Amino acid sequence: MAPADTNTDADPNANASAGVGAGTTASAKTSRRTPRPYHHGDLRRAILNAALDVISADGPSALSLRDLARRASVSHAAPAHHFKDRTGLLTAIASEGYELLAATLAQAADLKDAGVHYVRFAREHPAHFQVMFTPELLRANDLELTTARTLAGERLRTAVSAVPPEGRGTDPRLAGVAAWSLAHGFATLLLSHNLDGPVGDQDPEEVFRALTGMLFQPKSP
């Protein structure tokens, strides 16, 4: 594909007609600005990675498509070609986040382990985590987003439904809300450093596993 920044070369005869010597002409050729390429390798991935770096450092409000193009060394029109606008980019990040979360939850052995995997996902993908749960930043009716979000929800519901009724109560939906609230709340407090004191040098995943031991236990006869 041709570069988006169309920087045409100067007419080599123009210097000659102006009385410029051959040496000067060669120097002019080497000083021409090299246009930024429209794409290089996987441009979509490069832009997503650049956006995730910005979000991790400064939050979603710092995102600028023009700045991302500069970071990826591409035309300023390239991000818009792939994502249309800033909302489209953030929606793509959230969609990817839900896909990663669903894949992570699928590896869990049971509900407690699903919570541990949820916390692990938040720690490993903090930028995704931040965007996923900020609906005002996203295009709510995006098919990719709704599909990925539904899949992640199904993974959690599957883990909850595997718990015997005596261990989760009679309403599995509320049990799912309780499990999600515990994992999401812990992950959010952890990422915002509100648990630095209580957790200290302990492994956050092991701390969370201990917390889950206080809930979802069969009632004593």
Foldseek 3Di string as FASTA:
>chain_A
DFAPPDDDDDDLCVCVVVVHDPVVSVVVVVPDDDAFGLDDDPRLVQLLVLQLVCCVVPRLVPDDLQVSCVVSRGDSCNVCVPQVDSQSSLLVLLLVLLQVLLVQLVPAPALLSNLLSLLVSCVVRVSNLRSNPPPVSHDVPDPSNVVSNVSNLVSLLVRLVVQPCLLQPDDSVVSSVVSCCLSSVLSVCVVVVVCCVVCPPHDSSVVSSVVCVVGSDGDDD
